[in-house]
């Protein structure tokens, strides 16, 4: 299947207020790709993701996302760009005072959906995609962390996005649940939706191979494989001398993520 160019950055600088976060970013992203963003806290991963949907502005260079020129985009056009992008946060950000159905209904109505039958059908469709059909009438507090994150992914799928941006989506989950979530996101990418994920956990790269972008010294470079990362270490968590988690991390500074 022919790949479509979705994001093009050429000689782009990214700023957070007056701080120069990323310099000279050159990046092409195509449909159906699964891309990892690796780097220390504060290295610019989240800033890059936010720049794709105009939450962080681009200062120079060529910057195009889903055929929108980010230098020329109008404020009135930004909501339409964002509807084509699904966002998965680490901390869920579900509305805690309403059910799963009401959470998803709120997003659809806010993005222009009006027909009740069509809304209900779409809610059922995305819940089926993430294996959470039975949770439609539950409140967020009745769900585990992994189940809540599945609902967040369902929410990201509501408007059939071309790109899903995931910022540390497994950060609050146990390893087994995180693996299930990664498997879900990976299969979504196989269906043609690009997934770009910031993470500190390199275990995923072994099981779910994809492109690797390394953030360091305000720059981004693409690396071919894990063997190109010369600072890989293993963090082992044990209880009563039994290993309960073994996580590959980039370096000691990232153990707090």
C-alpha atoms as a PDB file:
ATOM      1  CA  UNK A   1       0.000   0.000   0.000  1.00  0.00           C
ATOM      2  CA  UNK A   2       1.358   3.400  -0.990  1.00  0.00           C
ATOM      3  CA  UNK A   3       2.381   5.580   1.939  1.00  0.00           C
ATOM      4  CA  UNK A   4       1.075   9.141   2.217  1.00  0.00           C
ATOM      5  CA  UNK A   5       3.270  11.940   3.562  1.00  0.00           C
ATOM      6  CA  UNK A   6       1.489  13.315   6.644  1.00  0.00           C
ATOM      7  CA  UNK A   7       4.113  15.463   8.373  1.00  0.00           C
ATOM      8  CA  UNK A   8       7.036  17.339   6.856  1.00  0.00           C
ATOM      9  CA  UNK A   9       9.446  19.378   8.966  1.00  0.00           C
ATOM     10  CA  UNK A  10      12.498  20.906   7.313  1.00  0.00           C
ATOM     11  CA  UNK A  11      14.965  23.102   9.221  1.00  0.00           C
ATOM     12  CA  UNK A  12      12.356  23.728  11.925  1.00  0.00           C
ATOM     13  CA  UNK A  13      13.098  25.303  15.318  1.00  0.00           C
ATOM     14  CA  UNK A  14      10.684  24.687  18.189  1.00  0.00           C
ATOM     15  CA  UNK A  15      10.377  27.136  21.090  1.00  0.00           C
ATOM     16  CA  UNK A  16       8.551  26.988  24.412  1.00  0.00           C
ATOM     17  CA  UNK A  17       8.061  30.679  25.143  1.00  0.00           C
ATOM     18  CA  UNK A  18      11.638  32.013  24.811  1.00  0.00           C
ATOM     19  CA  UNK A  19      13.401  28.689  25.323  1.00  0.00           C
ATOM     20  CA  UNK A  20      14.872  27.070  22.229  1.00  0.00           C
ATOM     21  CA  UNK A  21      13.702  23.463  22.769  1.00  0.00           C
ATOM     22  CA  UNK A  22      14.602  21.850  19.438  1.00  0.00           C
ATOM     23  CA  UNK A  23      16.947  23.013  16.693  1.00  0.00           C
ATOM     24  CA  UNK A  24      16.945  22.247  12.991  1.00  0.00           C
ATOM     25  CA  UNK A  25      14.325  19.489  13.024  1.00  0.00           C
ATOM     26  CA  UNK A  26      14.119  17.537   9.771  1.00  0.00           C
ATOM     27  CA  UNK A  27      11.401  14.907   9.758  1.00  0.00           C
ATOM     28  CA  UNK A  28       9.110  13.150   7.301  1.00  0.00           C
ATOM     29  CA  UNK A  29       6.261  11.021   8.678  1.00  0.00           C
ATOM     30  CA  UNK A  30       4.131   8.769   6.491  1.00  0.00           C
ATOM     31  CA  UNK A  31       0.848   6.933   6.957  1.00  0.00           C
ATOM     32  CA  UNK A  32       0.895   3.708   8.933  1.00  0.00           C
ATOM     33  CA  UNK A  33       4.220   4.345  10.663  1.00  0.00           C
ATOM     34  CA  UNK A  34       4.910   3.475  14.302  1.00  0.00           C
ATOM     35  CA  UNK A  35       7.441   5.950  15.693  1.00  0.00           C
ATOM     36  CA  UNK A  36       9.134   6.088  19.082  1.00  0.00           C
ATOM     37  CA  UNK A  37      10.395   9.338  20.608  1.00  0.00           C
ATOM     38  CA  UNK A  38      13.187   8.614  23.104  1.00  0.00           C
ATOM     39  CA  UNK A  39      15.021  11.007  25.396  1.00  0.00           C
ATOM     40  CA  UNK A  40      15.342  12.465  28.857  1.00  0.00           C
ATOM     41  CA  UNK A  41      12.642  14.468  30.574  1.00  0.00           C
ATOM     42  CA  UNK A  42      12.772  17.976  29.112  1.00  0.00           C
ATOM     43  CA  UNK A  43      14.510  16.916  25.905  1.00  0.00           C
ATOM     44  CA  UNK A  44      11.649  18.156  23.715  1.00  0.00           C
ATOM     45  CA  UNK A  45       9.523  15.063  23.052  1.00  0.00           C
ATOM     46  CA  UNK A  46       6.288  16.591  24.338  1.00  0.00           C
ATOM     47  CA  UNK A  47       7.081  19.920  22.678  1.00  0.00           C
ATOM     48  CA  UNK A  48       7.422  18.233  19.301  1.00  0.00           C
ATOM     49  CA  UNK A  49       4.109  16.428  19.759  1.00  0.00           C
ATOM     50  CA  UNK A  50       2.403  19.675  20.778  1.00  0.00           C
ATOM     51  CA  UNK A  51       3.836  21.467  17.749  1.00  0.00           C
ATOM     52  CA  UNK A  52       1.980  19.049  15.463  1.00  0.00           C
ATOM     53  CA  UNK A  53      -1.380  20.362  16.678  1.00  0.00           C
ATOM     54  CA  UNK A  54      -0.334  24.003  17.138  1.00  0.00           C
ATOM     55  CA  UNK A  55      -0.122  24.018  20.921  1.00  0.00           C
ATOM     56  CA  UNK A  56       3.536  24.964  20.504  1.00  0.00           C
ATOM     57  CA  UNK A  57       4.252  27.296  17.621  1.00  0.00           C
ATOM     58  CA  UNK A  58       6.827  26.820  14.888  1.00  0.00           C
ATOM     59  CA  UNK A  59       9.264  29.712  14.455  1.00  0.00           C
ATOM     60  CA  UNK A  60      10.917  28.970  11.107  1.00  0.00           C
ATOM     61  CA  UNK A  61      11.549  26.388   8.418  1.00  0.00           C
ATOM     62  CA  UNK A  62       8.996  24.301   6.512  1.00  0.00           C
ATOM     63  CA  UNK A  63       6.302  22.788   8.733  1.00  0.00           C
ATOM     64  CA  UNK A  64       3.375  20.917   7.221  1.00  0.00           C
ATOM     65  CA  UNK A  65       0.954  18.605   9.059  1.00  0.00           C
ATOM     66  CA  UNK A  66      -1.896  16.891   7.191  1.00  0.00           C
ATOM     67  CA  UNK A  67      -1.628  19.444   4.374  1.00  0.00           C
ATOM     68  CA  UNK A  68      -1.817  22.401   6.764  1.00  0.00           C
ATOM     69  CA  UNK A  69       1.068  24.875   6.574  1.00  0.00           C
ATOM     70  CA  UNK A  70       1.727  25.569  10.240  1.00  0.00           C
ATOM     71  CA  UNK A  71       3.154  29.008   9.426  1.00  0.00           C
ATOM     72  CA  UNK A  72       0.029  30.080   7.555  1.00  0.00           C
ATOM     73  CA  UNK A  73      -2.681  28.203   9.449  1.00  0.00           C
ATOM     74  CA  UNK A  74      -5.530  30.375  10.723  1.00  0.00           C
ATOM     75  CA  UNK A  75      -6.879  30.119  14.258  1.00  0.00           C
ATOM     76  CA  UNK A  76     -10.224  29.026  12.808  1.00  0.00           C
ATOM     77  CA  UNK A  77      -8.507  26.121  11.010  1.00  0.00           C
ATOM     78  CA  UNK A  78      -6.723  24.682  14.062  1.00  0.00           C
ATOM     79  CA  UNK A  79      -9.789  22.789  15.391  1.00  0.00           C
ATOM     80  CA  UNK A  80     -10.127  21.060  12.009  1.00  0.00           C
ATOM     81  CA  UNK A  81      -6.470  20.026  12.092  1.00  0.00           C
ATOM     82  CA  UNK A  82      -6.876  18.697  15.625  1.00  0.00           C
ATOM     83  CA  UNK A  83      -9.875  16.583  14.625  1.00  0.00           C
ATOM     84  CA  UNK A  84      -7.546  14.639  12.343  1.00  0.00           C
ATOM     85  CA  UNK A  85      -5.175  13.915  15.232  1.00  0.00           C
ATOM     86  CA  UNK A  86      -5.947  11.654  18.192  1.00  0.00           C
ATOM     87  CA  UNK A  87      -4.145  12.395  21.461  1.00  0.00           C
ATOM     88  CA  UNK A  88      -3.431   9.895  24.240  1.00  0.00           C
ATOM     89  CA  UNK A  89      -2.141  11.383  27.496  1.00  0.00           C
ATOM     90  CA  UNK A  90      -0.382   9.624  30.348  1.00  0.00           C
ATOM     91  CA  UNK A  91      -2.871  10.852  32.946  1.00  0.00           C
ATOM     92  CA  UNK A  92      -6.068   9.850  31.069  1.00  0.00           C
ATOM     93  CA  UNK A  93      -7.900  13.217  31.421  1.00  0.00           C
ATOM     94  CA  UNK A  94     -11.317  11.564  31.394  1.00  0.00           C
ATOM     95  CA  UNK A  95     -14.254  13.520  32.781  1.00  0.00           C
ATOM     96  CA  UNK A  96     -14.706  11.813  36.128  1.00  0.00           C
ATOM     97  CA  UNK A  97     -18.294  12.940  36.715  1.00  0.00           C
ATOM     98  CA  UNK A  98     -19.785  11.153  33.712  1.00  0.00           C
ATOM     99  CA  UNK A  99     -19.922   7.691  32.195  1.00  0.00           C
ATOM    100  CA  UNK A 100     -17.770   6.305  29.397  1.00  0.00           C
ATOM    101  CA  UNK A 101     -20.633   6.881  26.963  1.00  0.00           C
ATOM    102  CA  UNK A 102     -21.027  10.475  28.142  1.00  0.00           C
ATOM    103  CA  UNK A 103     -17.273  11.108  27.882  1.00  0.00           C
ATOM    104  CA  UNK A 104     -17.240  10.002  24.259  1.00  0.00           C
ATOM    105  CA  UNK A 105     -20.554  11.680  23.459  1.00  0.00           C
ATOM    106  CA  UNK A 106     -19.137  14.975  24.777  1.00  0.00           C
ATOM    107  CA  UNK A 107     -16.145  14.806  22.407  1.00  0.00           C
ATOM    108  CA  UNK A 108     -18.241  13.961  19.355  1.00  0.00           C
ATOM    109  CA  UNK A 109     -20.715  16.772  19.963  1.00  0.00           C
ATOM    110  CA  UNK A 110     -17.855  19.201  20.599  1.00  0.00           C
ATOM    111  CA  UNK A 111     -16.372  18.297  17.210  1.00  0.00           C
ATOM    112  CA  UNK A 112     -19.566  18.803  15.239  1.00  0.00           C
ATOM    113  CA  UNK A 113     -21.435  15.489  15.393  1.00  0.00           C
ATOM    114  CA  UNK A 114     -25.205  15.986  15.720  1.00  0.00           C
ATOM    115  CA  UNK A 115     -27.179  12.879  14.750  1.00  0.00           C
ATOM    116  CA  UNK A 116     -27.851  10.791  17.873  1.00  0.00           C
ATOM    117  CA  UNK A 117     -27.941   7.450  16.080  1.00  0.00           C
ATOM    118  CA  UNK A 118     -24.670   8.143  14.279  1.00  0.00           C
ATOM    119  CA  UNK A 119     -23.043   9.261  17.536  1.00  0.00           C
ATOM    120  CA  UNK A 120     -24.157   6.101  19.330  1.00  0.00           C
ATOM    121  CA  UNK A 121     -22.909   3.926  16.469  1.00  0.00           C
ATOM    122  CA  UNK A 122     -19.499   5.610  16.490  1.00  0.00           C
ATOM    123  CA  UNK A 123     -19.174   5.237  20.259  1.00  0.00           C
ATOM    124  CA  UNK A 124     -19.928   1.523  19.961  1.00  0.00           C
ATOM    125  CA  UNK A 125     -17.448   1.199  17.072  1.00  0.00           C
ATOM    126  CA  UNK A 126     -14.489   2.722  18.923  1.00  0.00           C
ATOM    127  CA  UNK A 127     -15.229   0.810  22.123  1.00  0.00           C
ATOM    128  CA  UNK A 128     -15.261  -2.400  20.113  1.00  0.00           C
ATOM    129  CA  UNK A 129     -11.878  -1.456  18.600  1.00  0.00           C
ATOM    130  CA  UNK A 130     -10.305  -1.232  22.059  1.00  0.00           C
ATOM    131  CA  UNK A 131     -12.175  -4.180  23.561  1.00  0.00           C
ATOM    132  CA  UNK A 132     -14.243  -2.103  25.997  1.00  0.00           C
ATOM    133  CA  UNK A 133     -17.828  -2.484  24.756  1.00  0.00           C
ATOM    134  CA  UNK A 134     -18.958  -3.702  28.170  1.00  0.00           C
ATOM    135  CA  UNK A 135     -17.760  -0.519  29.869  1.00  0.00           C
ATOM    136  CA  UNK A 136     -20.041   1.873  28.019  1.00  0.00           C
ATOM    137  CA  UNK A 137     -22.179   2.702  31.071  1.00  0.00           C
ATOM    138  CA  UNK A 138     -19.415   2.601  33.678  1.00  0.00           C
ATOM    139  CA  UNK A 139     -17.875   5.586  35.431  1.00  0.00           C
ATOM    140  CA  UNK A 140     -14.104   6.127  35.151  1.00  0.00           C
ATOM    141  CA  UNK A 141     -13.533   5.272  38.823  1.00  0.00           C
ATOM    142  CA  UNK A 142     -15.049   1.839  38.183  1.00  0.00           C
ATOM    143  CA  UNK A 143     -12.285   1.045  35.675  1.00  0.00           C
ATOM    144  CA  UNK A 144      -8.677  -0.003  36.205  1.00  0.00           C
ATOM    145  CA  UNK A 145      -5.857   2.195  34.935  1.00  0.00           C
ATOM    146  CA  UNK A 146      -5.425   0.025  31.870  1.00  0.00           C
ATOM    147  CA  UNK A 147      -9.148   0.106  31.140  1.00  0.00           C
ATOM    148  CA  UNK A 148      -9.220   3.878  31.496  1.00  0.00           C
ATOM    149  CA  UNK A 149      -6.331   4.168  29.056  1.00  0.00           C
ATOM    150  CA  UNK A 150      -8.228   1.979  26.589  1.00  0.00           C
ATOM    151  CA  UNK A 151     -11.116   4.440  26.851  1.00  0.00           C
ATOM    152  CA  UNK A 152      -8.659   7.274  26.202  1.00  0.00           C
ATOM    153  CA  UNK A 153      -7.505   5.481  23.051  1.00  0.00           C
ATOM    154  CA  UNK A 154     -11.147   4.995  22.046  1.00  0.00           C
ATOM    155  CA  UNK A 155     -11.653   8.726  22.536  1.00  0.00           C
ATOM    156  CA  UNK A 156      -8.637   9.409  20.317  1.00  0.00           C
ATOM    157  CA  UNK A 157     -10.182   7.224  17.591  1.00  0.00           C
ATOM    158  CA  UNK A 158     -13.584   8.950  17.558  1.00  0.00           C
ATOM    159  CA  UNK A 159     -12.919  11.173  14.564  1.00  0.00           C
ATOM    160  CA  UNK A 160     -11.008   8.488  12.608  1.00  0.00           C
ATOM    161  CA  UNK A 161      -7.684  10.330  12.922  1.00  0.00           C
ATOM    162  CA  UNK A 162      -4.822   9.941  10.501  1.00  0.00           C
ATOM    163  CA  UNK A 163      -2.310  10.352  13.345  1.00  0.00           C
ATOM    164  CA  UNK A 164      -2.346   9.310  16.998  1.00  0.00           C
ATOM    165  CA  UNK A 165       0.061  11.079  19.349  1.00  0.00           C
ATOM    166  CA  UNK A 166       0.757   9.197  22.578  1.00  0.00           C
ATOM    167  CA  UNK A 167       2.741  10.941  25.325  1.00  0.00           C
ATOM    168  CA  UNK A 168       4.009   8.315  27.805  1.00  0.00           C
ATOM    169  CA  UNK A 169       0.729   6.349  27.517  1.00  0.00           C
ATOM    170  CA  UNK A 170       1.930   3.486  29.738  1.00  0.00           C
ATOM    171  CA  UNK A 171       3.634   5.611  32.397  1.00  0.00           C
ATOM    172  CA  UNK A 172       1.085   4.816  35.126  1.00  0.00           C
ATOM    173  CA  UNK A 173       0.480   1.182  34.147  1.00  0.00           C
ATOM    174  CA  UNK A 174       2.005  -2.099  35.231  1.00  0.00           C
ATOM    175  CA  UNK A 175       4.224  -3.875  32.651  1.00  0.00           C
ATOM    176  CA  UNK A 176       1.602  -6.450  31.580  1.00  0.00           C
ATOM    177  CA  UNK A 177      -1.112  -3.841  31.078  1.00  0.00           C
ATOM    178  CA  UNK A 178       1.348  -1.551  29.307  1.00  0.00           C
ATOM    179  CA  UNK A 179       2.219  -4.368  26.930  1.00  0.00           C
ATOM    180  CA  UNK A 180      -1.466  -4.857  26.121  1.00  0.00           C
ATOM    181  CA  UNK A 181      -1.842  -1.152  25.387  1.00  0.00           C
ATOM    182  CA  UNK A 182       1.211  -1.157  23.126  1.00  0.00           C
ATOM    183  CA  UNK A 183      -0.176  -4.149  21.258  1.00  0.00           C
ATOM    184  CA  UNK A 184      -3.400  -2.208  20.707  1.00  0.00           C
ATOM    185  CA  UNK A 185      -1.603   0.900  19.435  1.00  0.00           C
ATOM    186  CA  UNK A 186       0.657  -1.205  17.227  1.00  0.00           C
ATOM    187  CA  UNK A 187      -2.330  -2.885  15.582  1.00  0.00           C
ATOM    188  CA  UNK A 188      -3.924   0.513  15.040  1.00  0.00           C
ATOM    189  CA  UNK A 189      -0.787   1.556  13.125  1.00  0.00           C
ATOM    190  CA  UNK A 190      -1.013  -1.616  11.040  1.00  0.00           C
ATOM    191  CA  UNK A 191      -4.471  -0.518   9.929  1.00  0.00           C
ATOM    192  CA  UNK A 192      -2.957   2.649   8.427  1.00  0.00           C
ATOM    193  CA  UNK A 193      -3.119   5.190  11.275  1.00  0.00           C
ATOM    194  CA  UNK A 194       0.283   6.633  12.141  1.00  0.00           C
ATOM    195  CA  UNK A 195       1.226   6.342  15.823  1.00  0.00           C
ATOM    196  CA  UNK A 196       3.914   8.598  17.318  1.00  0.00           C
ATOM    197  CA  UNK A 197       4.734   7.735  20.913  1.00  0.00           C
ATOM    198  CA  UNK A 198       7.014   9.328  23.484  1.00  0.00           C
ATOM    199  CA  UNK A 199       8.392   6.766  25.927  1.00  0.00           C
ATOM    200  CA  UNK A 200      11.320   5.957  28.207  1.00  0.00           C
ATOM    201  CA  UNK A 201      10.798   2.213  28.025  1.00  0.00           C
ATOM    202  CA  UNK A 202      12.888   0.517  25.358  1.00  0.00           C
ATOM    203  CA  UNK A 203      11.355  -2.905  25.972  1.00  0.00           C
ATOM    204  CA  UNK A 204       8.596  -1.972  23.564  1.00  0.00           C
ATOM    205  CA  UNK A 205      11.091  -1.614  20.707  1.00  0.00           C
ATOM    206  CA  UNK A 206      11.986  -5.277  21.006  1.00  0.00           C
ATOM    207  CA  UNK A 207       8.402  -6.478  20.760  1.00  0.00           C
ATOM    208  CA  UNK A 208       6.895  -3.755  18.588  1.00  0.00           C
ATOM    209  CA  UNK A 209       9.613  -2.556  16.195  1.00  0.00           C
ATOM    210  CA  UNK A 210       9.302   0.892  14.642  1.00  0.00           C
ATOM    211  CA  UNK A 211      11.236   4.010  13.772  1.00  0.00           C
ATOM    212  CA  UNK A 212      13.342   5.424  16.607  1.00  0.00           C
ATOM    213  CA  UNK A 213      13.913   9.163  17.066  1.00  0.00           C
ATOM    214  CA  UNK A 214      16.409  10.098  19.797  1.00  0.00           C
ATOM    215  CA  UNK A 215      16.220  13.534  21.464  1.00  0.00           C
ATOM    216  CA  UNK A 216      19.493  14.873  22.831  1.00  0.00           C
ATOM    217  CA  UNK A 217      21.156  18.297  23.127  1.00  0.00           C
ATOM    218  CA  UNK A 218      18.139  20.072  21.579  1.00  0.00           C
ATOM    219  CA  UNK A 219      18.365  17.945  18.460  1.00  0.00           C
ATOM    220  CA  UNK A 220      16.620  14.900  16.997  1.00  0.00           C
ATOM    221  CA  UNK A 221      18.427  12.100  15.231  1.00  0.00           C
ATOM    222  CA  UNK A 222      17.037   8.883  13.853  1.00  0.00           C
ATOM    223  CA  UNK A 223      18.766   5.691  14.921  1.00  0.00           C
ATOM    224  CA  UNK A 224      18.643   2.373  13.160  1.00  0.00           C
ATOM    225  CA  UNK A 225      18.150  -0.001  16.102  1.00  0.00           C
ATOM    226  CA  UNK A 226      18.749  -0.565  19.802  1.00  0.00           C
ATOM    227  CA  UNK A 227      22.377  -1.468  19.174  1.00  0.00           C
ATOM    228  CA  UNK A 228      22.928   2.159  18.173  1.00  0.00           C
ATOM    229  CA  UNK A 229      22.041   3.304  21.697  1.00  0.00           C
ATOM    230  CA  UNK A 230      25.216   3.034  23.741  1.00  0.00           C
ATOM    231  CA  UNK A 231      23.683   4.045  27.090  1.00  0.00           C
ATOM    232  CA  UNK A 232      21.168   1.237  27.513  1.00  0.00           C
ATOM    233  CA  UNK A 233      20.920  -0.060  31.066  1.00  0.00           C
ATOM    234  CA  UNK A 234      18.527  -2.395  32.815  1.00  0.00           C
ATOM    235  CA  UNK A 235      16.459  -1.402  35.831  1.00  0.00           C
ATOM    236  CA  UNK A 236      15.363  -4.404  37.892  1.00  0.00           C
ATOM    237  CA  UNK A 237      12.606  -4.211  40.504  1.00  0.00           C
ATOM    238  CA  UNK A 238      12.547  -7.153  42.895  1.00  0.00           C
ATOM    239  CA  UNK A 239      10.520  -8.269  45.881  1.00  0.00           C
ATOM    240  CA  UNK A 240      11.777 -11.003  48.200  1.00  0.00           C
ATOM    241  CA  UNK A 241      14.618 -11.697  45.760  1.00  0.00           C
ATOM    242  CA  UNK A 242      12.108 -12.370  42.956  1.00  0.00           C
ATOM    243  CA  UNK A 243      12.272 -10.180  39.862  1.00  0.00           C
ATOM    244  CA  UNK A 244       8.857  -8.651  39.223  1.00  0.00           C
ATOM    245  CA  UNK A 245       9.883  -6.143  36.574  1.00  0.00           C
ATOM    246  CA  UNK A 246      12.863  -5.752  34.282  1.00  0.00           C
ATOM    247  CA  UNK A 247      12.797  -2.562  32.278  1.00  0.00           C
ATOM    248  CA  UNK A 248      15.299  -1.288  29.735  1.00  0.00           C
ATOM    249  CA  UNK A 249      15.926   2.433  30.175  1.00  0.00           C
ATOM    250  CA  UNK A 250      18.066   4.933  28.332  1.00  0.00           C
ATOM    251  CA  UNK A 251      20.033   6.145  31.352  1.00  0.00           C
ATOM    252  CA  UNK A 252      19.780   6.776  35.074  1.00  0.00           C
ATOM    253  CA  UNK A 253      18.365  10.261  34.635  1.00  0.00           C
ATOM    254  CA  UNK A 254      15.213   8.739  33.170  1.00  0.00           C
ATOM    255  CA  UNK A 255      14.386   6.342  35.987  1.00  0.00           C
ATOM    256  CA  UNK A 256      11.962   8.838  37.476  1.00  0.00           C
ATOM    257  CA  UNK A 257       9.675   8.779  34.441  1.00  0.00           C
END
